[in-house]
Amino acid sequence: MVVTDLMLNEVAGDFAADSFYLGFSTDTALEALSGATSLDGEIGSRISCTAVTVNNEVKVSGVRSSTLVIDTASGDTLTGIGLFDASTNGQLFTITTLPGILHTINFDFDVDNAFTFDRG
């Protein structure tokens, strides 16, 4: 079977039509388990994302505002980001590990993820 570009574009479009939310973790041992509805060490509120489709690629973007920092004195050391389909619970799609990024009240933290649907 050969999958055409049209089918890949349709799949990407269907994926982008979902709602997306980013959850943030301070845990150092993150696992991407099937059926997971939260991240290990997830902190604070999840943030809503936008999704843009260009051909067979979906770009999901969100901003964790400085007002969401839990430890306002020292900042939150973020070790991972999870992409979910709901603002609470919901299904975990992906985890991105981070090298311990310190998010403080002095800046907003921008997140951009790209998903390419291909034959690979």
N, C-alpha and C. Protein backbone atom coordinates (compact mmCIF):
# COMPACT_ATOMS: atom_id res chain seq x y z
N MET A 1 0.84 -1.17 0.00
CA MET A 1 0.00 0.00 0.00
C MET A 1 0.89 1.24 0.00
N VAL A 2 0.54 2.22 -0.79
CA VAL A 2 1.24 3.49 -0.82
C VAL A 2 0.30 4.57 -0.30
N VAL A 3 0.76 5.31 0.69
CA VAL A 3 -0.02 6.41 1.26
C VAL A 3 0.29 7.67 0.47
N THR A 4 -0.74 8.36 0.01
CA THR A 4 -0.54 9.57 -0.79
C THR A 4 -0.37 10.80 0.10
N ASP A 5 0.14 11.87 -0.50
CA ASP A 5 0.27 13.14 0.22
C ASP A 5 -1.10 13.64 0.68
N LEU A 6 -2.12 13.42 -0.11
CA LEU A 6 -3.47 13.85 0.25
C LEU A 6 -3.90 13.20 1.56
N MET A 7 -3.65 11.90 1.70
CA MET A 7 -4.03 11.22 2.93
C MET A 7 -3.23 11.77 4.12
N LEU A 8 -1.92 12.00 3.94
CA LEU A 8 -1.11 12.55 5.03
C LEU A 8 -1.62 13.93 5.44
N ASN A 9 -2.02 14.74 4.49
CA ASN A 9 -2.56 16.07 4.79
C ASN A 9 -3.88 15.95 5.55
N GLU A 10 -4.70 14.98 5.18
CA GLU A 10 -5.98 14.76 5.88
C GLU A 10 -5.74 14.33 7.33
N VAL A 11 -4.79 13.42 7.52
CA VAL A 11 -4.47 12.97 8.88
C VAL A 11 -3.96 14.13 9.72
N ALA A 12 -3.07 14.94 9.17
CA ALA A 12 -2.55 16.10 9.89
C ALA A 12 -3.68 17.06 10.23
N GLY A 13 -4.58 17.30 9.28
CA GLY A 13 -5.71 18.20 9.52
C GLY A 13 -6.62 17.69 10.61
N ASP A 14 -6.89 16.38 10.62
CA ASP A 14 -7.72 15.79 11.67
C ASP A 14 -7.06 15.93 13.04
N PHE A 15 -5.74 15.70 13.09
CA PHE A 15 -5.01 15.83 14.34
C PHE A 15 -5.06 17.28 14.84
N ALA A 16 -4.86 18.23 13.96
CA ALA A 16 -4.84 19.65 14.33
C ALA A 16 -6.20 20.15 14.79
N ALA A 17 -7.28 19.44 14.41
CA ALA A 17 -8.62 19.85 14.81
C ALA A 17 -8.90 19.57 16.29
N ASP A 18 -8.05 18.76 16.93
CA ASP A 18 -8.20 18.46 18.36
C ASP A 18 -7.85 19.68 19.19
N SER A 19 -8.21 19.65 20.47
CA SER A 19 -7.77 20.66 21.43
C SER A 19 -6.48 20.16 22.06
N PHE A 20 -5.56 21.08 22.32
CA PHE A 20 -4.27 20.72 22.90
C PHE A 20 -3.98 21.58 24.12
N TYR A 21 -3.35 20.94 25.11
CA TYR A 21 -2.97 21.62 26.34
C TYR A 21 -1.59 21.13 26.76
N LEU A 22 -0.79 22.04 27.29
CA LEU A 22 0.54 21.69 27.77
C LEU A 22 0.54 21.62 29.29
N GLY A 23 1.10 20.52 29.82
CA GLY A 23 1.32 20.37 31.24
C GLY A 23 2.82 20.41 31.49
N PHE A 24 3.22 20.89 32.66
CA PHE A 24 4.64 21.07 32.97
C PHE A 24 5.01 20.26 34.21
N SER A 25 6.23 19.71 34.20
CA SER A 25 6.68 18.85 35.29
C SER A 25 8.01 19.34 35.85
N THR A 26 8.21 19.02 37.14
CA THR A 26 9.50 19.27 37.80
C THR A 26 10.14 17.95 38.21
N ASP A 27 9.56 16.83 37.77
CA ASP A 27 10.06 15.50 38.10
C ASP A 27 11.24 15.15 37.19
N THR A 28 12.21 14.42 37.72
CA THR A 28 13.38 14.05 36.91
C THR A 28 13.25 12.67 36.26
N ALA A 29 12.19 11.93 36.56
CA ALA A 29 12.00 10.59 35.98
C ALA A 29 10.64 10.53 35.30
N LEU A 30 10.55 11.10 34.11
CA LEU A 30 9.29 11.13 33.37
C LEU A 30 9.12 9.88 32.53
N GLU A 31 7.88 9.36 32.51
CA GLU A 31 7.57 8.19 31.69
C GLU A 31 6.38 8.50 30.80
N ALA A 32 6.47 8.10 29.55
CA ALA A 32 5.36 8.25 28.60
C ALA A 32 4.58 6.93 28.57
N LEU A 33 3.67 6.78 29.49
CA LEU A 33 2.90 5.55 29.59
C LEU A 33 1.60 5.66 28.81
N SER A 34 1.23 4.59 28.11
CA SER A 34 -0.05 4.56 27.42
C SER A 34 -1.16 4.73 28.43
N GLY A 35 -2.11 5.58 28.11
CA GLY A 35 -3.24 5.80 29.00
C GLY A 35 -2.98 6.80 30.10
N ALA A 36 -1.80 7.40 30.14
CA ALA A 36 -1.48 8.38 31.20
C ALA A 36 -2.38 9.61 31.04
N THR A 37 -2.83 10.15 32.16
CA THR A 37 -3.67 11.34 32.16
C THR A 37 -3.01 12.51 32.87
N SER A 38 -1.77 12.33 33.29
CA SER A 38 -0.99 13.41 33.90
C SER A 38 0.49 13.08 33.77
N LEU A 39 1.33 14.08 34.03
CA LEU A 39 2.77 13.89 34.06
C LEU A 39 3.21 13.59 35.48
N ASP A 40 4.26 12.80 35.64
CA ASP A 40 4.88 12.65 36.94
C ASP A 40 5.38 14.03 37.35
N GLY A 41 5.02 14.48 38.54
CA GLY A 41 5.49 15.77 39.03
C GLY A 41 4.86 16.97 38.35
N GLU A 42 3.68 16.79 37.75
CA GLU A 42 3.02 17.91 37.05
C GLU A 42 2.67 19.01 38.05
N ILE A 43 2.97 20.24 37.67
CA ILE A 43 2.69 21.38 38.56
C ILE A 43 1.83 22.42 37.85
N GLY A 44 1.04 23.11 38.64
CA GLY A 44 0.26 24.24 38.12
C GLY A 44 -0.81 23.85 37.13
N SER A 45 -1.32 24.86 36.46
CA SER A 45 -2.38 24.68 35.48
C SER A 45 -1.81 24.37 34.10
N ARG A 46 -2.54 23.59 33.35
CA ARG A 46 -2.18 23.37 31.95
C ARG A 46 -2.57 24.60 31.14
N ILE A 47 -1.86 24.78 30.04
CA ILE A 47 -2.16 25.93 29.19
C ILE A 47 -2.71 25.47 27.85
N SER A 48 -3.64 26.25 27.34
CA SER A 48 -4.25 25.97 26.04
C SER A 48 -3.27 26.32 24.93
N CYS A 49 -3.34 25.57 23.83
CA CYS A 49 -2.43 25.77 22.70
C CYS A 49 -3.21 26.09 21.44
N THR A 50 -2.47 26.62 20.47
CA THR A 50 -3.01 26.78 19.13
C THR A 50 -2.34 25.75 18.23
N ALA A 51 -3.05 25.35 17.18
CA ALA A 51 -2.50 24.39 16.22
C ALA A 51 -2.69 24.93 14.82
N VAL A 52 -1.61 24.91 14.04
CA VAL A 52 -1.63 25.37 12.66
C VAL A 52 -1.13 24.22 11.78
N THR A 53 -1.86 23.96 10.70
CA THR A 53 -1.48 22.89 9.77
C THR A 53 -0.97 23.48 8.46
N VAL A 54 0.19 23.01 8.05
CA VAL A 54 0.73 23.34 6.73
C VAL A 54 1.08 22.01 6.08
N ASN A 55 0.29 21.64 5.07
CA ASN A 55 0.42 20.35 4.41
C ASN A 55 0.35 19.23 5.45
N ASN A 56 1.40 18.44 5.59
CA ASN A 56 1.35 17.30 6.50
C ASN A 56 2.04 17.58 7.84
N GLU A 57 2.24 18.86 8.18
CA GLU A 57 2.87 19.22 9.45
C GLU A 57 1.91 20.03 10.31
N VAL A 58 1.85 19.69 11.60
CA VAL A 58 1.03 20.41 12.55
C VAL A 58 1.96 21.08 13.56
N LYS A 59 1.84 22.39 13.70
CA LYS A 59 2.63 23.14 14.67
C LYS A 59 1.73 23.52 15.83
N VAL A 60 2.09 23.05 17.03
CA VAL A 60 1.34 23.32 18.24
C VAL A 60 2.16 24.28 19.09
N SER A 61 1.53 25.39 19.50
CA SER A 61 2.25 26.42 20.25
C SER A 61 1.45 26.85 21.47
N GLY A 62 2.18 27.16 22.54
CA GLY A 62 1.55 27.67 23.75
C GLY A 62 2.55 28.49 24.55
N VAL A 63 2.03 29.27 25.50
CA VAL A 63 2.87 30.12 26.33
C VAL A 63 2.52 29.90 27.79
N ARG A 64 3.52 29.49 28.59
CA ARG A 64 3.34 29.41 30.04
C ARG A 64 3.70 30.79 30.59
N SER A 65 2.69 31.49 31.03
CA SER A 65 2.86 32.85 31.53
C SER A 65 3.67 32.87 32.81
N SER A 66 4.38 33.97 33.02
CA SER A 66 5.13 34.14 34.27
C SER A 66 4.21 34.15 35.48
N THR A 67 2.92 34.45 35.28
CA THR A 67 1.97 34.45 36.39
C THR A 67 1.63 33.04 36.87
N LEU A 68 2.01 32.00 36.10
CA LEU A 68 1.75 30.61 36.49
C LEU A 68 2.89 29.99 37.28
N VAL A 69 3.99 30.72 37.48
CA VAL A 69 5.11 30.21 38.26
C VAL A 69 4.64 29.95 39.69
N ILE A 70 4.88 28.74 40.20
CA ILE A 70 4.45 28.35 41.54
C ILE A 70 5.38 28.93 42.60
N ASP A 71 6.68 28.72 42.45
CA ASP A 71 7.67 29.22 43.41
C ASP A 71 8.09 30.62 42.98
N THR A 72 7.35 31.61 43.42
CA THR A 72 7.58 32.98 42.96
C THR A 72 8.89 33.56 43.46
N ALA A 73 9.48 33.00 44.51
CA ALA A 73 10.75 33.50 45.03
C ALA A 73 11.94 32.96 44.23
N SER A 74 11.94 31.65 43.96
CA SER A 74 13.10 31.01 43.30
C SER A 74 12.84 30.58 41.87
N GLY A 75 11.59 30.44 41.48
CA GLY A 75 11.24 29.96 40.14
C GLY A 75 10.99 28.46 40.14
N ASP A 76 10.41 27.98 39.06
CA ASP A 76 10.12 26.56 38.87
C ASP A 76 11.15 25.96 37.92
N THR A 77 11.81 24.88 38.34
CA THR A 77 12.75 24.20 37.46
C THR A 77 11.98 23.15 36.67
N LEU A 78 11.72 23.47 35.41
CA LEU A 78 10.91 22.60 34.55
C LEU A 78 11.79 21.54 33.90
N THR A 79 11.38 20.28 34.06
CA THR A 79 12.15 19.16 33.51
C THR A 79 11.41 18.44 32.38
N GLY A 80 10.14 18.79 32.18
CA GLY A 80 9.39 18.14 31.12
C GLY A 80 8.11 18.84 30.78
N ILE A 81 7.66 18.61 29.55
CA ILE A 81 6.40 19.16 29.06
C ILE A 81 5.59 18.03 28.45
N GLY A 82 4.33 17.95 28.80
CA GLY A 82 3.44 16.95 28.22
C GLY A 82 2.37 17.61 27.38
N LEU A 83 2.04 17.01 26.26
CA LEU A 83 0.96 17.50 25.40
C LEU A 83 -0.26 16.61 25.63
N PHE A 84 -1.37 17.25 26.01
CA PHE A 84 -2.60 16.54 26.36
C PHE A 84 -3.76 17.02 25.49
N ASP A 85 -4.86 16.25 25.53
CA ASP A 85 -6.06 16.64 24.79
C ASP A 85 -7.12 17.25 25.69
N ALA A 86 -6.78 17.58 26.93
CA ALA A 86 -7.73 18.20 27.85
C ALA A 86 -6.99 19.02 28.90
N SER A 87 -7.68 19.99 29.47
CA SER A 87 -7.05 20.87 30.47
C SER A 87 -6.86 20.17 31.81
N THR A 88 -7.63 19.14 32.09
CA THR A 88 -7.42 18.28 33.26
C THR A 88 -7.63 16.85 32.80
N ASN A 89 -6.89 15.94 33.41
CA ASN A 89 -6.93 14.54 32.99
C ASN A 89 -6.60 14.47 31.50
N GLY A 90 -7.50 13.91 30.69
CA GLY A 90 -7.22 13.81 29.25
C GLY A 90 -6.12 12.82 28.95
N GLN A 91 -5.87 12.61 27.68
CA GLN A 91 -4.86 11.65 27.25
C GLN A 91 -3.54 12.36 26.94
N LEU A 92 -2.45 11.74 27.37
CA LEU A 92 -1.11 12.24 27.10
C LEU A 92 -0.70 11.82 25.70
N PHE A 93 -0.32 12.79 24.85
CA PHE A 93 0.15 12.49 23.50
C PHE A 93 1.67 12.33 23.47
N THR A 94 2.38 13.30 24.02
CA THR A 94 3.85 13.29 23.96
C THR A 94 4.44 13.87 25.23
N ILE A 95 5.71 13.52 25.49
CA ILE A 95 6.50 14.14 26.54
C ILE A 95 7.78 14.66 25.91
N THR A 96 8.14 15.88 26.27
CA THR A 96 9.42 16.45 25.87
C THR A 96 10.21 16.70 27.15
N THR A 97 11.38 16.06 27.26
CA THR A 97 12.20 16.30 28.45
C THR A 97 13.02 17.57 28.25
N LEU A 98 13.26 18.25 29.35
CA LEU A 98 14.01 19.51 29.35
C LEU A 98 15.23 19.35 30.25
N PRO A 99 16.27 20.14 30.00
CA PRO A 99 17.48 20.06 30.83
C PRO A 99 17.39 20.89 32.10
N GLY A 100 16.21 20.99 32.69
CA GLY A 100 16.06 21.77 33.92
C GLY A 100 16.05 23.27 33.64
N ILE A 101 15.02 23.75 32.97
CA ILE A 101 14.90 25.17 32.65
C ILE A 101 14.22 25.89 33.81
N LEU A 102 14.86 26.93 34.31
CA LEU A 102 14.33 27.70 35.42
C LEU A 102 13.37 28.76 34.89
N HIS A 103 12.08 28.58 35.17
CA HIS A 103 11.06 29.54 34.75
C HIS A 103 10.74 30.43 35.95
N THR A 104 11.00 31.72 35.80
CA THR A 104 10.76 32.67 36.89
C THR A 104 9.64 33.63 36.52
N ILE A 105 9.33 34.50 37.46
CA ILE A 105 8.28 35.51 37.24
C ILE A 105 8.75 36.61 36.31
N ASN A 106 9.98 36.53 35.83
CA ASN A 106 10.54 37.59 34.98
C ASN A 106 10.29 37.40 33.49
N PHE A 107 9.75 36.24 33.07
CA PHE A 107 9.52 36.02 31.64
C PHE A 107 8.46 34.96 31.42
N ASP A 108 7.84 35.00 30.24
CA ASP A 108 6.93 33.96 29.79
C ASP A 108 7.74 32.89 29.06
N PHE A 109 7.27 31.65 29.13
CA PHE A 109 7.98 30.52 28.52
C PHE A 109 7.20 30.04 27.31
N ASP A 110 7.75 30.26 26.11
CA ASP A 110 7.11 29.85 24.85
C ASP A 110 7.46 28.42 24.50
N VAL A 111 6.45 27.67 24.04
CA VAL A 111 6.66 26.28 23.64
C VAL A 111 6.10 26.09 22.23
N ASP A 112 6.93 25.52 21.35
CA ASP A 112 6.50 25.20 19.99
C ASP A 112 6.89 23.75 19.70
N ASN A 113 5.91 22.96 19.28
CA ASN A 113 6.15 21.57 18.88
C ASN A 113 5.64 21.38 17.47
N ALA A 114 6.40 20.66 16.66
CA ALA A 114 5.95 20.36 15.30
C ALA A 114 5.81 18.85 15.14
N PHE A 115 4.70 18.44 14.55
CA PHE A 115 4.42 17.03 14.28
C PHE A 115 4.29 16.86 12.78
N THR A 116 5.15 16.03 12.21
CA THR A 116 5.11 15.79 10.78
C THR A 116 4.56 14.38 10.53
N PHE A 117 3.55 14.31 9.71
CA PHE A 117 2.96 13.03 9.34
C PHE A 117 3.55 12.64 8.00
N ASP A 118 4.34 11.55 8.02
CA ASP A 118 5.02 11.13 6.80
C ASP A 118 4.97 9.62 6.65
N ARG A 119 5.59 9.15 5.62
CA ARG A 119 5.57 7.72 5.30
C ARG A 119 6.60 6.94 6.09
N GLY A 120 7.45 7.62 6.86
CA GLY A 120 8.58 7.02 7.54
C GLY A 120 8.24 6.06 8.58
